[in-house]
Amino acid sequence: MTEYAIFFNQQWVGDHTEEWFHSRGPLAMAVVHEMEAAGVLVFAGGLEEEIETAFSADATSGTLTFTDGPYAETKEYLGGLTIVDVPDDAAAKVWAGKIAEACGWPQEVRRFKPRPDRG
């Protein structure tokens, strides 16, 4: 099996009414429960939208420092992600499609590199 990250940037969500967002929640949770039942869900969750509450950790200078805010100033930032463990790209596409339909915005899919300690 291979792990895939299915994710979206907050800016891909678009402008919608509060009622529209509330209508998406049950649809998205139904897909999460379907992934749980299928035994492919590793993790799923949306991130807080307040980018001001983010912080970064950096040890590239040889000294660990923590900084308020995101590591890089950018116009886009991660809105949420799901990690699934499925046999192949085709299965990852199925789940990404279900998430995209339930949420109502695009999803990007990327395969994780194999962990060196797992052979």
N, C-alpha and C. Protein backbone atom coordinates (compact mmCIF):
# COMPACT_ATOMS: atom_id res chain seq x y z
N MET A 1 0.84 -1.18 0.00
CA MET A 1 0.00 0.00 0.00
C MET A 1 0.89 1.25 0.00
N THR A 2 0.35 2.32 -0.50
CA THR A 2 1.06 3.59 -0.61
C THR A 2 0.23 4.69 0.04
N GLU A 3 0.90 5.58 0.76
CA GLU A 3 0.20 6.70 1.38
C GLU A 3 0.19 7.88 0.42
N TYR A 4 -0.96 8.54 0.35
CA TYR A 4 -1.17 9.72 -0.48
C TYR A 4 -1.71 10.84 0.38
N ALA A 5 -1.25 12.05 0.10
CA ALA A 5 -1.82 13.25 0.72
C ALA A 5 -2.80 13.84 -0.28
N ILE A 6 -4.01 14.07 0.17
CA ILE A 6 -5.05 14.74 -0.62
C ILE A 6 -5.31 16.04 0.12
N PHE A 7 -5.05 17.18 -0.54
CA PHE A 7 -5.10 18.44 0.19
C PHE A 7 -5.59 19.57 -0.68
N PHE A 8 -5.87 20.70 -0.02
CA PHE A 8 -6.29 21.89 -0.73
C PHE A 8 -5.69 23.12 -0.07
N ASN A 9 -5.49 24.14 -0.87
CA ASN A 9 -5.11 25.45 -0.35
C ASN A 9 -6.38 26.21 -0.02
N GLN A 10 -6.34 26.96 1.03
CA GLN A 10 -7.53 27.69 1.48
C GLN A 10 -8.09 28.59 0.38
N GLN A 11 -7.21 29.14 -0.45
CA GLN A 11 -7.64 30.06 -1.50
C GLN A 11 -8.45 29.36 -2.59
N TRP A 12 -8.41 28.04 -2.68
CA TRP A 12 -9.18 27.30 -3.68
C TRP A 12 -10.64 27.17 -3.29
N VAL A 13 -10.97 27.47 -2.05
CA VAL A 13 -12.32 27.25 -1.53
C VAL A 13 -13.33 28.19 -2.19
N GLY A 14 -12.98 29.43 -2.37
CA GLY A 14 -13.91 30.38 -2.97
C GLY A 14 -14.83 31.01 -1.94
N ASP A 15 -15.61 31.96 -2.41
CA ASP A 15 -16.55 32.67 -1.54
C ASP A 15 -17.91 31.98 -1.58
N HIS A 16 -18.39 31.63 -0.41
CA HIS A 16 -19.69 30.95 -0.29
C HIS A 16 -20.39 31.47 0.96
N THR A 17 -21.67 31.24 1.01
CA THR A 17 -22.44 31.64 2.19
C THR A 17 -22.17 30.68 3.34
N GLU A 18 -22.47 31.14 4.53
CA GLU A 18 -22.33 30.29 5.72
C GLU A 18 -23.20 29.04 5.59
N GLU A 19 -24.39 29.20 5.03
CA GLU A 19 -25.29 28.05 4.84
C GLU A 19 -24.66 27.02 3.90
N TRP A 20 -23.99 27.50 2.85
CA TRP A 20 -23.35 26.59 1.90
C TRP A 20 -22.28 25.78 2.61
N PHE A 21 -21.44 26.46 3.41
CA PHE A 21 -20.39 25.74 4.14
C PHE A 21 -20.98 24.71 5.09
N HIS A 22 -22.04 25.08 5.79
CA HIS A 22 -22.68 24.14 6.72
C HIS A 22 -23.25 22.93 5.97
N SER A 23 -23.69 23.13 4.75
CA SER A 23 -24.23 22.01 3.97
C SER A 23 -23.14 21.05 3.52
N ARG A 24 -21.89 21.50 3.43
CA ARG A 24 -20.78 20.65 2.98
C ARG A 24 -20.27 19.75 4.09
N GLY A 25 -20.38 20.19 5.33
CA GLY A 25 -19.85 19.42 6.46
C GLY A 25 -20.33 17.98 6.51
N PRO A 26 -21.64 17.75 6.47
CA PRO A 26 -22.12 16.36 6.52
C PRO A 26 -21.66 15.54 5.31
N LEU A 27 -21.55 16.17 4.15
CA LEU A 27 -21.07 15.45 2.97
C LEU A 27 -19.61 15.03 3.14
N ALA A 28 -18.80 15.95 3.63
CA ALA A 28 -17.38 15.64 3.85
C ALA A 28 -17.22 14.57 4.93
N MET A 29 -17.99 14.67 6.01
CA MET A 29 -17.89 13.67 7.07
C MET A 29 -18.34 12.30 6.59
N ALA A 30 -19.29 12.25 5.68
CA ALA A 30 -19.73 10.96 5.11
C ALA A 30 -18.58 10.30 4.36
N VAL A 31 -17.79 11.10 3.64
CA VAL A 31 -16.64 10.53 2.93
C VAL A 31 -15.59 10.06 3.93
N VAL A 32 -15.35 10.82 4.99
CA VAL A 32 -14.39 10.40 6.02
C VAL A 32 -14.83 9.07 6.63
N HIS A 33 -16.11 8.95 6.95
CA HIS A 33 -16.61 7.69 7.53
C HIS A 33 -16.51 6.55 6.52
N GLU A 34 -16.71 6.83 5.25
CA GLU A 34 -16.57 5.82 4.20
C GLU A 34 -15.11 5.35 4.10
N MET A 35 -14.17 6.29 4.20
CA MET A 35 -12.74 5.92 4.18
C MET A 35 -12.38 5.09 5.41
N GLU A 36 -12.94 5.46 6.57
CA GLU A 36 -12.70 4.67 7.79
C GLU A 36 -13.20 3.25 7.60
N ALA A 37 -14.42 3.12 7.09
CA ALA A 37 -15.02 1.79 6.89
C ALA A 37 -14.22 0.96 5.89
N ALA A 38 -13.63 1.63 4.89
CA ALA A 38 -12.84 0.92 3.88
C ALA A 38 -11.43 0.60 4.38
N GLY A 39 -11.06 1.15 5.53
CA GLY A 39 -9.75 0.88 6.11
C GLY A 39 -8.60 1.60 5.42
N VAL A 40 -8.88 2.72 4.73
CA VAL A 40 -7.83 3.44 4.01
C VAL A 40 -7.47 4.77 4.67
N LEU A 41 -8.24 5.23 5.62
CA LEU A 41 -8.00 6.54 6.24
C LEU A 41 -6.83 6.47 7.21
N VAL A 42 -5.87 7.36 7.04
CA VAL A 42 -4.79 7.55 8.00
C VAL A 42 -5.10 8.77 8.84
N PHE A 43 -5.53 9.87 8.17
CA PHE A 43 -5.86 11.11 8.87
C PHE A 43 -6.67 11.99 7.94
N ALA A 44 -7.57 12.78 8.52
CA ALA A 44 -8.30 13.81 7.76
C ALA A 44 -8.60 14.96 8.69
N GLY A 45 -8.42 16.19 8.19
CA GLY A 45 -8.75 17.34 9.01
C GLY A 45 -8.53 18.65 8.28
N GLY A 46 -9.33 19.61 8.67
CA GLY A 46 -9.16 20.97 8.15
C GLY A 46 -8.34 21.77 9.14
N LEU A 47 -7.61 22.73 8.62
CA LEU A 47 -6.79 23.57 9.47
C LEU A 47 -7.51 24.87 9.80
N GLU A 48 -7.17 25.47 10.93
CA GLU A 48 -7.75 26.75 11.28
C GLU A 48 -7.38 27.78 10.22
N GLU A 49 -8.31 28.64 9.90
CA GLU A 49 -8.10 29.61 8.84
C GLU A 49 -7.27 30.82 9.29
N GLU A 50 -7.14 31.03 10.58
CA GLU A 50 -6.40 32.19 11.08
C GLU A 50 -4.91 31.95 10.94
N ILE A 51 -4.34 32.40 9.83
CA ILE A 51 -2.93 32.19 9.56
C ILE A 51 -2.05 32.87 10.61
N GLU A 52 -2.60 33.87 11.29
CA GLU A 52 -1.84 34.58 12.33
C GLU A 52 -1.49 33.66 13.50
N THR A 53 -2.22 32.57 13.69
CA THR A 53 -1.94 31.67 14.80
C THR A 53 -0.86 30.65 14.45
N ALA A 54 -0.42 30.62 13.19
CA ALA A 54 0.63 29.70 12.78
C ALA A 54 1.97 30.13 13.37
N PHE A 55 2.87 29.18 13.50
CA PHE A 55 4.24 29.48 13.88
C PHE A 55 5.14 28.49 13.17
N SER A 56 6.42 28.81 13.11
CA SER A 56 7.35 27.93 12.41
C SER A 56 8.53 27.59 13.30
N ALA A 57 9.12 26.44 13.05
CA ALA A 57 10.34 26.00 13.73
C ALA A 57 11.42 25.87 12.67
N ASP A 58 12.60 26.42 12.94
CA ASP A 58 13.69 26.41 11.96
C ASP A 58 15.00 26.10 12.68
N ALA A 59 15.69 25.06 12.21
CA ALA A 59 16.99 24.70 12.79
C ALA A 59 18.10 24.77 11.74
N THR A 60 17.83 25.40 10.59
CA THR A 60 18.82 25.42 9.51
C THR A 60 20.09 26.20 9.86
N SER A 61 20.01 27.10 10.82
CA SER A 61 21.19 27.87 11.23
C SER A 61 22.03 27.11 12.24
N GLY A 62 21.57 25.98 12.69
CA GLY A 62 22.25 25.24 13.75
C GLY A 62 21.65 25.52 15.12
N THR A 63 20.81 26.53 15.20
CA THR A 63 20.10 26.87 16.43
C THR A 63 18.61 26.83 16.16
N LEU A 64 17.89 26.12 16.99
CA LEU A 64 16.44 26.02 16.82
C LEU A 64 15.79 27.33 17.21
N THR A 65 15.00 27.89 16.30
CA THR A 65 14.25 29.10 16.59
C THR A 65 12.80 28.91 16.19
N PHE A 66 11.94 29.53 16.95
CA PHE A 66 10.52 29.52 16.65
C PHE A 66 10.11 30.95 16.30
N THR A 67 9.29 31.07 15.26
CA THR A 67 8.86 32.37 14.79
C THR A 67 7.35 32.38 14.65
N ASP A 68 6.72 33.47 15.08
CA ASP A 68 5.28 33.61 14.87
C ASP A 68 4.99 33.72 13.38
N GLY A 69 3.92 33.11 12.96
CA GLY A 69 3.50 33.17 11.56
C GLY A 69 4.06 32.02 10.75
N PRO A 70 3.61 31.92 9.53
CA PRO A 70 4.09 30.84 8.66
C PRO A 70 5.57 31.01 8.33
N TYR A 71 6.21 29.94 7.92
CA TYR A 71 7.64 29.96 7.59
C TYR A 71 7.92 30.93 6.44
N ALA A 72 7.10 30.85 5.39
CA ALA A 72 7.29 31.72 4.23
C ALA A 72 6.06 32.59 4.03
N GLU A 73 6.28 33.84 3.68
CA GLU A 73 5.17 34.71 3.32
C GLU A 73 4.65 34.27 1.96
N THR A 74 3.39 33.94 1.90
CA THR A 74 2.82 33.44 0.67
C THR A 74 1.36 33.85 0.57
N LYS A 75 0.84 33.87 -0.63
CA LYS A 75 -0.56 34.21 -0.82
C LYS A 75 -1.46 33.01 -0.62
N GLU A 76 -0.90 31.81 -0.71
CA GLU A 76 -1.68 30.59 -0.53
C GLU A 76 -1.17 29.84 0.69
N TYR A 77 -2.08 29.17 1.36
CA TYR A 77 -1.69 28.35 2.49
C TYR A 77 -2.63 27.16 2.60
N LEU A 78 -2.11 26.11 3.20
CA LEU A 78 -2.83 24.85 3.31
C LEU A 78 -4.12 25.04 4.12
N GLY A 79 -5.22 24.51 3.58
CA GLY A 79 -6.50 24.62 4.26
C GLY A 79 -6.90 23.35 4.99
N GLY A 80 -6.49 22.21 4.46
CA GLY A 80 -6.81 20.94 5.08
C GLY A 80 -6.20 19.80 4.30
N LEU A 81 -6.14 18.64 4.92
CA LEU A 81 -5.57 17.50 4.24
C LEU A 81 -6.17 16.19 4.73
N THR A 82 -6.05 15.22 3.87
CA THR A 82 -6.44 13.85 4.18
C THR A 82 -5.29 12.97 3.76
N ILE A 83 -4.98 11.98 4.56
CA ILE A 83 -3.95 11.02 4.18
C ILE A 83 -4.62 9.65 4.11
N VAL A 84 -4.46 9.01 2.96
CA VAL A 84 -5.02 7.68 2.75
C VAL A 84 -3.90 6.71 2.43
N ASP A 85 -4.12 5.45 2.74
CA ASP A 85 -3.17 4.38 2.44
C ASP A 85 -3.90 3.42 1.52
N VAL A 86 -3.60 3.52 0.23
CA VAL A 86 -4.32 2.77 -0.80
C VAL A 86 -3.33 2.08 -1.74
N PRO A 87 -3.80 1.12 -2.53
CA PRO A 87 -2.88 0.34 -3.35
C PRO A 87 -2.22 1.10 -4.51
N ASP A 88 -2.90 2.11 -5.06
CA ASP A 88 -2.35 2.71 -6.28
C ASP A 88 -2.99 4.07 -6.57
N ASP A 89 -2.48 4.70 -7.66
CA ASP A 89 -2.99 6.01 -8.06
C ASP A 89 -4.49 5.99 -8.34
N ALA A 90 -4.96 4.91 -8.94
CA ALA A 90 -6.39 4.83 -9.28
C ALA A 90 -7.25 4.93 -8.03
N ALA A 91 -6.86 4.23 -6.98
CA ALA A 91 -7.63 4.28 -5.73
C ALA A 91 -7.53 5.66 -5.10
N ALA A 92 -6.34 6.28 -5.16
CA ALA A 92 -6.19 7.64 -4.62
C ALA A 92 -7.09 8.61 -5.37
N LYS A 93 -7.21 8.44 -6.69
CA LYS A 93 -8.08 9.31 -7.48
C LYS A 93 -9.54 9.16 -7.07
N VAL A 94 -9.96 7.94 -6.77
CA VAL A 94 -11.34 7.72 -6.33
C VAL A 94 -11.63 8.53 -5.08
N TRP A 95 -10.75 8.42 -4.08
CA TRP A 95 -10.98 9.13 -2.81
C TRP A 95 -10.85 10.63 -2.98
N ALA A 96 -9.88 11.08 -3.77
CA ALA A 96 -9.74 12.52 -4.02
C ALA A 96 -10.99 13.06 -4.70
N GLY A 97 -11.55 12.31 -5.63
CA GLY A 97 -12.77 12.73 -6.31
C GLY A 97 -13.95 12.84 -5.35
N LYS A 98 -14.06 11.88 -4.46
CA LYS A 98 -15.15 11.93 -3.48
C LYS A 98 -15.00 13.13 -2.55
N ILE A 99 -13.77 13.40 -2.13
CA ILE A 99 -13.53 14.55 -1.26
C ILE A 99 -13.85 15.85 -2.00
N ALA A 100 -13.37 15.96 -3.25
CA ALA A 100 -13.62 17.17 -4.04
C ALA A 100 -15.11 17.41 -4.23
N GLU A 101 -15.86 16.35 -4.51
CA GLU A 101 -17.31 16.50 -4.69
C GLU A 101 -17.98 16.91 -3.38
N ALA A 102 -17.57 16.29 -2.27
CA ALA A 102 -18.19 16.59 -0.98
C ALA A 102 -17.87 18.01 -0.53
N CYS A 103 -16.61 18.41 -0.68
CA CYS A 103 -16.20 19.75 -0.21
C CYS A 103 -16.66 20.84 -1.15
N GLY A 104 -16.64 20.56 -2.44
CA GLY A 104 -17.04 21.58 -3.41
C GLY A 104 -15.89 22.42 -3.91
N TRP A 105 -14.65 21.98 -3.70
CA TRP A 105 -13.48 22.69 -4.24
C TRP A 105 -12.42 21.66 -4.60
N PRO A 106 -11.42 22.11 -5.41
CA PRO A 106 -10.40 21.17 -5.91
C PRO A 106 -9.53 20.58 -4.81
N GLN A 107 -8.96 19.44 -5.12
CA GLN A 107 -8.03 18.77 -4.23
C GLN A 107 -6.79 18.40 -5.04
N GLU A 108 -5.63 18.51 -4.44
CA GLU A 108 -4.40 18.04 -5.06
C GLU A 108 -4.01 16.72 -4.40
N VAL A 109 -3.41 15.82 -5.17
CA VAL A 109 -3.03 14.51 -4.65
C VAL A 109 -1.54 14.31 -4.89
N ARG A 110 -0.82 13.93 -3.84
CA ARG A 110 0.60 13.64 -3.96
C ARG A 110 0.93 12.39 -3.16
N ARG A 111 1.75 11.57 -3.77
CA ARG A 111 2.20 10.32 -3.13
C ARG A 111 3.34 10.65 -2.16
N PHE A 112 3.33 10.02 -0.99
CA PHE A 112 4.45 10.13 -0.07
C PHE A 112 5.60 9.27 -0.56
N LYS A 113 6.81 9.73 -0.35
CA LYS A 113 7.96 8.89 -0.62
C LYS A 113 7.96 7.74 0.39
N PRO A 114 8.45 6.56 -0.01
CA PRO A 114 8.53 5.46 0.96
C PRO A 114 9.47 5.83 2.12
N ARG A 115 9.10 5.39 3.31
CA ARG A 115 9.96 5.62 4.47
C ARG A 115 11.16 4.69 4.41
N PRO A 116 12.36 5.20 4.64
CA PRO A 116 13.56 4.34 4.57
C PRO A 116 13.55 3.19 5.56
N ASP A 117 12.90 3.37 6.71
CA ASP A 117 12.90 2.31 7.72
C ASP A 117 11.85 1.23 7.45
N ARG A 118 11.12 1.35 6.36
CA ARG A 118 10.11 0.34 6.01
C ARG A 118 10.54 -0.52 4.81
N GLY A 119 11.81 -0.42 4.46
CA GLY A 119 12.37 -1.26 3.40
C GLY A 119 11.92 -0.85 2.10
